[in-house]
Amino acid sequence: MSIDKEASYYDAGGIETIDIIKAKLTPEQFDGYLLGNAIKYDCRINFKHTDIKNKIRDTVKAMTYMNLLTENLRRLKEK
């Protein structure tokens, strides 16, 4: 199931796109990918969309990437 409930195309074919990306990158590169996406969604909130629904969606996306990064960093700390 897609981590983005409104965009099931990311898991077409039975595998989530983010899982493919994670498999192809080093852990450090993947953390950078997550941070970069969070920054991207944060930066566009007030510029790409004028309607509140899409601003909220971008905020949720930014938080999703930050939550994934936080989980990765916590796992690293526990090692």
PDB file of N, CA and C in Angstrom:
ATOM      1  N   MET A   1       0.844  -1.186   0.000  1.00  0.00           N
ATOM      2  CA  MET A   1       0.000   0.000   0.000  1.00  0.00           C
ATOM      3  C   MET A   1       0.886   1.246   0.000  1.00  0.00           C
ATOM      4  N   SER A   2       0.468   2.210  -0.735  1.00  0.00           N
ATOM      5  CA  SER A   2       1.232   3.439  -0.887  1.00  0.00           C
ATOM      6  C   SER A   2       1.260   4.251   0.408  1.00  0.00           C
ATOM      7  N   ILE A   3       2.401   4.898   0.680  1.00  0.00           N
ATOM      8  CA  ILE A   3       2.455   5.779   1.851  1.00  0.00           C
ATOM      9  C   ILE A   3       1.645   7.039   1.594  1.00  0.00           C
ATOM     10  N   ASP A   4       1.382   7.324   0.320  1.00  0.00           N
ATOM     11  CA  ASP A   4       0.540   8.463  -0.063  1.00  0.00           C
ATOM     12  C   ASP A   4      -0.793   7.906  -0.540  1.00  0.00           C
ATOM     13  N   LYS A   5      -1.786   7.974   0.312  1.00  0.00           N
ATOM     14  CA  LYS A   5      -3.089   7.371   0.024  1.00  0.00           C
ATOM     15  C   LYS A   5      -3.784   7.987  -1.194  1.00  0.00           C
ATOM     16  N   GLU A   6      -3.411   9.209  -1.553  1.00  0.00           N
ATOM     17  CA  GLU A   6      -4.024   9.877  -2.696  1.00  0.00           C
ATOM     18  C   GLU A   6      -3.248   9.659  -3.989  1.00  0.00           C
ATOM     19  N   ALA A   7      -2.163   8.903  -3.919  1.00  0.00           N
ATOM     20  CA  ALA A   7      -1.330   8.697  -5.100  1.00  0.00           C
ATOM     21  C   ALA A   7      -0.893   7.240  -5.184  1.00  0.00           C
ATOM     22  N   SER A   8      -1.850   6.356  -5.422  1.00  0.00           N
ATOM     23  CA  SER A   8      -1.548   4.924  -5.447  1.00  0.00           C
ATOM     24  C   SER A   8      -0.667   4.535  -6.632  1.00  0.00           C
ATOM     25  N   TYR A   9      -0.464   5.442  -7.578  1.00  0.00           N
ATOM     26  CA  TYR A   9       0.395   5.130  -8.718  1.00  0.00           C
ATOM     27  C   TYR A   9       1.840   4.915  -8.286  1.00  0.00           C
ATOM     28  N   TYR A  10       2.213   5.354  -7.089  1.00  0.00           N
ATOM     29  CA  TYR A  10       3.573   5.139  -6.615  1.00  0.00           C
ATOM     30  C   TYR A  10       3.846   3.681  -6.276  1.00  0.00           C
ATOM     31  N   ASP A  11       2.806   2.884  -6.103  1.00  0.00           N
ATOM     32  CA  ASP A  11       3.038   1.459  -5.821  1.00  0.00           C
ATOM     33  C   ASP A  11       2.459   0.561  -6.910  1.00  0.00           C
ATOM     34  N   ALA A  12       2.326   1.100  -8.104  1.00  0.00           N
ATOM     35  CA  ALA A  12       1.880   0.284  -9.237  1.00  0.00           C
ATOM     36  C   ALA A  12       2.894  -0.826  -9.470  1.00  0.00           C
ATOM     37  N   GLY A  13       2.402  -1.998  -9.759  1.00  0.00           N
ATOM     38  CA  GLY A  13       3.286  -3.137  -9.969  1.00  0.00           C
ATOM     39  C   GLY A  13       3.644  -3.868  -8.689  1.00  0.00           C
ATOM     40  N   GLY A  14       3.071  -3.422  -7.578  1.00  0.00           N
ATOM     41  CA  GLY A  14       3.253  -4.136  -6.318  1.00  0.00           C
ATOM     42  C   GLY A  14       4.439  -3.708  -5.472  1.00  0.00           C
ATOM     43  N   ILE A  15       5.162  -2.678  -5.900  1.00  0.00           N
ATOM     44  CA  ILE A  15       6.280  -2.196  -5.083  1.00  0.00           C
ATOM     45  C   ILE A  15       6.241  -0.680  -5.036  1.00  0.00           C
ATOM     46  N   GLU A  16       6.433  -0.165  -3.869  1.00  0.00           N
ATOM     47  CA  GLU A  16       6.417   1.282  -3.647  1.00  0.00           C
ATOM     48  C   GLU A  16       7.681   1.902  -4.252  1.00  0.00           C
ATOM     49  N   THR A  17       7.527   2.991  -4.967  1.00  0.00           N
ATOM     50  CA  THR A  17       8.669   3.658  -5.601  1.00  0.00           C
ATOM     51  C   THR A  17       9.740   4.023  -4.580  1.00  0.00           C
ATOM     52  N   ILE A  18       9.343   4.492  -3.420  1.00  0.00           N
ATOM     53  CA  ILE A  18      10.322   4.880  -2.398  1.00  0.00           C
ATOM     54  C   ILE A  18      11.159   3.680  -1.951  1.00  0.00           C
ATOM     55  N   ASP A  19      10.579   2.476  -1.994  1.00  0.00           N
ATOM     56  CA  ASP A  19      11.333   1.279  -1.626  1.00  0.00           C
ATOM     57  C   ASP A  19      12.398   0.953  -2.672  1.00  0.00           C
ATOM     58  N   ILE A  20      12.101   1.205  -3.941  1.00  0.00           N
ATOM     59  CA  ILE A  20      13.097   1.012  -5.009  1.00  0.00           C
ATOM     60  C   ILE A  20      14.239   2.004  -4.813  1.00  0.00           C
ATOM     61  N   ILE A  21      13.884   3.262  -4.548  1.00  0.00           N
ATOM     62  CA  ILE A  21      14.895   4.294  -4.337  1.00  0.00           C
ATOM     63  C   ILE A  21      15.780   3.925  -3.145  1.00  0.00           C
ATOM     64  N   LYS A  22      15.169   3.495  -2.058  1.00  0.00           N
ATOM     65  CA  LYS A  22      15.930   3.120  -0.856  1.00  0.00           C
ATOM     66  C   LYS A  22      16.884   1.971  -1.150  1.00  0.00           C
ATOM     67  N   ALA A  23      16.442   1.006  -1.956  1.00  0.00           N
ATOM     68  CA  ALA A  23      17.276  -0.145  -2.279  1.00  0.00           C
ATOM     69  C   ALA A  23      18.482   0.239  -3.131  1.00  0.00           C
ATOM     70  N   LYS A  24      18.371   1.296  -3.918  1.00  0.00           N
ATOM     71  CA  LYS A  24      19.431   1.689  -4.839  1.00  0.00           C
ATOM     72  C   LYS A  24      20.414   2.705  -4.260  1.00  0.00           C
ATOM     73  N   LEU A  25      20.071   3.309  -3.123  1.00  0.00           N
ATOM     74  CA  LEU A  25      20.926   4.334  -2.523  1.00  0.00           C
ATOM     75  C   LEU A  25      21.602   3.807  -1.272  1.00  0.00           C
ATOM     76  N   THR A  26      22.704   4.448  -0.906  1.00  0.00           N
ATOM     77  CA  THR A  26      23.305   4.147   0.400  1.00  0.00           C
ATOM     78  C   THR A  26      22.378   4.733   1.472  1.00  0.00           C
ATOM     79  N   PRO A  27      22.517   4.288   2.710  1.00  0.00           N
ATOM     80  CA  PRO A  27      21.684   4.877   3.773  1.00  0.00           C
ATOM     81  C   PRO A  27      21.834   6.397   3.859  1.00  0.00           C
ATOM     82  N   GLU A  28      23.049   6.889   3.692  1.00  0.00           N
ATOM     83  CA  GLU A  28      23.275   8.336   3.758  1.00  0.00           C
ATOM     84  C   GLU A  28      22.597   9.053   2.595  1.00  0.00           C
ATOM     85  N   GLN A  29      22.692   8.474   1.406  1.00  0.00           N
ATOM     86  CA  GLN A  29      22.038   9.058   0.236  1.00  0.00           C
ATOM     87  C   GLN A  29      20.523   9.065   0.413  1.00  0.00           C
ATOM     88  N   PHE A  30      19.988   7.985   0.970  1.00  0.00           N
ATOM     89  CA  PHE A  30      18.538   7.906   1.172  1.00  0.00           C
ATOM     90  C   PHE A  30      18.078   8.948   2.180  1.00  0.00           C
ATOM     91  N   ASP A  31      18.847   9.153   3.247  1.00  0.00           N
ATOM     92  CA  ASP A  31      18.501  10.203   4.211  1.00  0.00           C
ATOM     93  C   ASP A  31      18.489  11.568   3.523  1.00  0.00           C
ATOM     94  N   GLY A  32      19.447  11.809   2.640  1.00  0.00           N
ATOM     95  CA  GLY A  32      19.484  13.061   1.882  1.00  0.00           C
ATOM     96  C   GLY A  32      18.275  13.204   0.974  1.00  0.00           C
ATOM     97  N   TYR A  33      17.863  12.107   0.372  1.00  0.00           N
ATOM     98  CA  TYR A  33      16.667  12.106  -0.472  1.00  0.00           C
ATOM     99  C   TYR A  33      15.434  12.499   0.347  1.00  0.00           C
ATOM    100  N   LEU A  34      15.301  11.902   1.526  1.00  0.00           N
ATOM    101  CA  LEU A  34      14.153  12.215   2.381  1.00  0.00           C
ATOM    102  C   LEU A  34      14.170  13.680   2.804  1.00  0.00           C
ATOM    103  N   LEU A  35      15.329  14.161   3.238  1.00  0.00           N
ATOM    104  CA  LEU A  35      15.448  15.555   3.661  1.00  0.00           C
ATOM    105  C   LEU A  35      15.167  16.500   2.490  1.00  0.00           C
ATOM    106  N   GLY A  36      15.707  16.189   1.324  1.00  0.00           N
ATOM    107  CA  GLY A  36      15.479  17.022   0.146  1.00  0.00           C
ATOM    108  C   GLY A  36      14.012  17.120  -0.223  1.00  0.00           C
ATOM    109  N   ASN A  37      13.295  16.006  -0.145  1.00  0.00           N
ATOM    110  CA  ASN A  37      11.870  16.039  -0.463  1.00  0.00           C
ATOM    111  C   ASN A  37      11.087  16.831   0.571  1.00  0.00           C
ATOM    112  N   ALA A  38      11.447  16.702   1.844  1.00  0.00           N
ATOM    113  CA  ALA A  38      10.771  17.485   2.878  1.00  0.00           C
ATOM    114  C   ALA A  38      10.968  18.980   2.616  1.00  0.00           C
ATOM    115  N   ILE A  39      12.200  19.367   2.286  1.00  0.00           N
ATOM    116  CA  ILE A  39      12.488  20.773   1.992  1.00  0.00           C
ATOM    117  C   ILE A  39      11.693  21.229   0.770  1.00  0.00           C
ATOM    118  N   LYS A  40      11.649  20.397  -0.265  1.00  0.00           N
ATOM    119  CA  LYS A  40      10.919  20.742  -1.488  1.00  0.00           C
ATOM    120  C   LYS A  40       9.460  21.062  -1.184  1.00  0.00           C
ATOM    121  N   TYR A  41       8.799  20.186  -0.428  1.00  0.00           N
ATOM    122  CA  TYR A  41       7.380  20.413  -0.135  1.00  0.00           C
ATOM    123  C   TYR A  41       7.177  21.606   0.788  1.00  0.00           C
ATOM    124  N   ASP A  42       8.080  21.799   1.739  1.00  0.00           N
ATOM    125  CA  ASP A  42       7.983  22.987   2.599  1.00  0.00           C
ATOM    126  C   ASP A  42       8.098  24.277   1.797  1.00  0.00           C
ATOM    127  N   CYS A  43       9.057  24.293   0.874  1.00  0.00           N
ATOM    128  CA  CYS A  43       9.323  25.519   0.106  1.00  0.00           C
ATOM    129  C   CYS A  43       8.212  25.875  -0.865  1.00  0.00           C
ATOM    130  N   ARG A  44       7.465  24.903  -1.333  1.00  0.00           N
ATOM    131  CA  ARG A  44       6.460  25.218  -2.342  1.00  0.00           C
ATOM    132  C   ARG A  44       5.073  25.493  -1.766  1.00  0.00           C
ATOM    133  N   ILE A  45       4.896  25.309  -0.465  1.00  0.00           N
ATOM    134  CA  ILE A  45       3.574  25.440   0.155  1.00  0.00           C
ATOM    135  C   ILE A  45       2.893  26.766  -0.203  1.00  0.00           C
ATOM    136  N   ASN A  46       3.600  27.856  -0.117  1.00  0.00           N
ATOM    137  CA  ASN A  46       2.989  29.162  -0.366  1.00  0.00           C
ATOM    138  C   ASN A  46       3.097  29.641  -1.808  1.00  0.00           C
ATOM    139  N   PHE A  47       3.656  28.826  -2.680  1.00  0.00           N
ATOM    140  CA  PHE A  47       3.890  29.301  -4.041  1.00  0.00           C
ATOM    141  C   PHE A  47       3.228  28.460  -5.129  1.00  0.00           C
ATOM    142  N   LYS A  48       3.148  27.155  -4.958  1.00  0.00           N
ATOM    143  CA  LYS A  48       2.621  26.312  -6.028  1.00  0.00           C
ATOM    144  C   LYS A  48       1.099  26.325  -6.062  1.00  0.00           C
ATOM    145  N   HIS A  49       0.477  26.299  -4.926  1.00  0.00           N
ATOM    146  CA  HIS A  49      -0.977  26.184  -4.857  1.00  0.00           C
ATOM    147  C   HIS A  49      -1.591  27.396  -4.162  1.00  0.00           C
ATOM    148  N   THR A  50      -2.764  27.751  -4.595  1.00  0.00           N
ATOM    149  CA  THR A  50      -3.480  28.830  -3.924  1.00  0.00           C
ATOM    150  C   THR A  50      -4.576  28.303  -3.013  1.00  0.00           C
ATOM    151  N   ASP A  51      -5.005  27.061  -3.245  1.00  0.00           N
ATOM    152  CA  ASP A  51      -6.101  26.528  -2.425  1.00  0.00           C
ATOM    153  C   ASP A  51      -5.545  25.830  -1.185  1.00  0.00           C
ATOM    154  N   ILE A  52      -6.291  25.922  -0.121  1.00  0.00           N
ATOM    155  CA  ILE A  52      -5.864  25.401   1.183  1.00  0.00           C
ATOM    156  C   ILE A  52      -5.715  23.887   1.160  1.00  0.00           C
ATOM    157  N   LYS A  53      -6.563  23.188   0.397  1.00  0.00           N
ATOM    158  CA  LYS A  53      -6.489  21.721   0.338  1.00  0.00           C
ATOM    159  C   LYS A  53      -5.104  21.272  -0.125  1.00  0.00           C
ATOM    160  N   ASN A  54      -4.577  21.864  -1.166  1.00  0.00           N
ATOM    161  CA  ASN A  54      -3.264  21.471  -1.671  1.00  0.00           C
ATOM    162  C   ASN A  54      -2.131  21.961  -0.790  1.00  0.00           C
ATOM    163  N   LYS A  55      -2.324  23.087  -0.111  1.00  0.00           N
ATOM    164  CA  LYS A  55      -1.316  23.532   0.851  1.00  0.00           C
ATOM    165  C   LYS A  55      -1.206  22.534   1.996  1.00  0.00           C
ATOM    166  N   ILE A  56      -2.344  22.054   2.448  1.00  0.00           N
ATOM    167  CA  ILE A  56      -2.352  21.037   3.511  1.00  0.00           C
ATOM    168  C   ILE A  56      -1.686  19.762   3.013  1.00  0.00           C
ATOM    169  N   ARG A  57      -1.994  19.368   1.793  1.00  0.00           N
ATOM    170  CA  ARG A  57      -1.396  18.156   1.210  1.00  0.00           C
ATOM    171  C   ARG A  57       0.132  18.279   1.147  1.00  0.00           C
ATOM    172  N   ASP A  58       0.637  19.423   0.732  1.00  0.00           N
ATOM    173  CA  ASP A  58       2.087  19.616   0.691  1.00  0.00           C
ATOM    174  C   ASP A  58       2.684  19.593   2.096  1.00  0.00           C
ATOM    175  N   THR A  59       1.988  20.147   3.058  1.00  0.00           N
ATOM    176  CA  THR A  59       2.452  20.114   4.442  1.00  0.00           C
ATOM    177  C   THR A  59       2.529  18.681   4.948  1.00  0.00           C
ATOM    178  N   VAL A  60       1.503  17.896   4.648  1.00  0.00           N
ATOM    179  CA  VAL A  60       1.487  16.485   5.053  1.00  0.00           C
ATOM    180  C   VAL A  60       2.621  15.727   4.376  1.00  0.00           C
ATOM    181  N   LYS A  61       2.854  15.993   3.098  1.00  0.00           N
ATOM    182  CA  LYS A  61       3.953  15.329   2.395  1.00  0.00           C
ATOM    183  C   LYS A  61       5.295  15.669   3.047  1.00  0.00           C
ATOM    184  N   ALA A  62       5.503  16.937   3.367  1.00  0.00           N
ATOM    185  CA  ALA A  62       6.751  17.341   4.019  1.00  0.00           C
ATOM    186  C   ALA A  62       6.912  16.608   5.348  1.00  0.00           C
ATOM    187  N   MET A  63       5.850  16.533   6.112  1.00  0.00           N
ATOM    188  CA  MET A  63       5.907  15.841   7.404  1.00  0.00           C
ATOM    189  C   MET A  63       6.152  14.347   7.218  1.00  0.00           C
ATOM    190  N   THR A  64       5.576  13.752   6.181  1.00  0.00           N
ATOM    191  CA  THR A  64       5.787  12.329   5.916  1.00  0.00           C
ATOM    192  C   THR A  64       7.266  12.044   5.681  1.00  0.00           C
ATOM    193  N   TYR A  65       7.904  12.868   4.849  1.00  0.00           N
ATOM    194  CA  TYR A  65       9.336  12.674   4.591  1.00  0.00           C
ATOM    195  C   TYR A  65      10.166  12.921   5.844  1.00  0.00           C
ATOM    196  N   MET A  66       9.812  13.910   6.642  1.00  0.00           N
ATOM    197  CA  MET A  66      10.555  14.161   7.883  1.00  0.00           C
ATOM    198  C   MET A  66      10.352  13.023   8.882  1.00  0.00           C
ATOM    199  N   ASN A  67       9.146  12.468   8.929  1.00  0.00           N
ATOM    200  CA  ASN A  67       8.895  11.329   9.817  1.00  0.00           C
ATOM    201  C   ASN A  67       9.718  10.114   9.395  1.00  0.00           C
ATOM    202  N   LEU A  68       9.804   9.853   8.093  1.00  0.00           N
ATOM    203  CA  LEU A  68      10.623   8.743   7.606  1.00  0.00           C
ATOM    204  C   LEU A  68      12.098   8.968   7.944  1.00  0.00           C
ATOM    205  N   LEU A  69      12.572  10.198   7.784  1.00  0.00           N
ATOM    206  CA  LEU A  69      13.953  10.519   8.121  1.00  0.00           C
ATOM    207  C   LEU A  69      14.189  10.342   9.622  1.00  0.00           C
ATOM    208  N   THR A  70      13.260  10.788  10.421  1.00  0.00           N
ATOM    209  CA  THR A  70      13.372  10.635  11.875  1.00  0.00           C
ATOM    210  C   THR A  70      13.458   9.160  12.262  1.00  0.00           C
ATOM    211  N   GLU A  71      12.630   8.324  11.650  1.00  0.00           N
ATOM    212  CA  GLU A  71      12.672   6.878  11.916  1.00  0.00           C
ATOM    213  C   GLU A  71      14.040   6.303  11.564  1.00  0.00           C
ATOM    214  N   ASN A  72      14.572   6.694  10.408  1.00  0.00           N
ATOM    215  CA  ASN A  72      15.893   6.203  10.000  1.00  0.00           C
ATOM    216  C   ASN A  72      16.968   6.623  10.994  1.00  0.00           C
ATOM    217  N   LEU A  73      16.924   7.870  11.416  1.00  0.00           N
ATOM    218  CA  LEU A  73      17.941   8.368  12.355  1.00  0.00           C
ATOM    219  C   LEU A  73      17.813   7.685  13.722  1.00  0.00           C
ATOM    220  N   ARG A  74      16.617   7.410  14.147  1.00  0.00           N
ATOM    221  CA  ARG A  74      16.428   6.702  15.430  1.00  0.00           C
ATOM    222  C   ARG A  74      16.990   5.285  15.349  1.00  0.00           C
ATOM    223  N   ARG A  75      16.770   4.626  14.207  1.00  0.00           N
ATOM    224  CA  ARG A  75      17.324   3.278  14.030  1.00  0.00           C
ATOM    225  C   ARG A  75      18.849   3.323  14.067  1.00  0.00           C
ATOM    226  N   LEU A  76      19.423   4.327  13.442  1.00  0.00           N
ATOM    227  CA  LEU A  76      20.872   4.491  13.426  1.00  0.00           C
ATOM    228  C   LEU A  76      21.403   4.703  14.841  1.00  0.00           C
ATOM    229  N   LYS A  77      20.694   5.509  15.623  1.00  0.00           N
ATOM    230  CA  LYS A  77      21.094   5.787  17.003  1.00  0.00           C
ATOM    231  C   LYS A  77      21.070   4.517  17.847  1.00  0.00           C
ATOM    232  N   GLU A  78      20.102   3.621  17.571  1.00  0.00           N
ATOM    233  CA  GLU A  78      19.948   2.407  18.356  1.00  0.00           C
ATOM    234  C   GLU A  78      21.024   1.354  18.043  1.00  0.00           C
ATOM    235  N   LYS A  79      21.711   1.500  16.925  1.00  0.00           N
ATOM    236  CA  LYS A  79      22.731   0.509  16.540  1.00  0.00           C
ATOM    237  C   LYS A  79      23.966   0.636  17.391  1.00  0.00           C
TER     238      LYS A  79
END
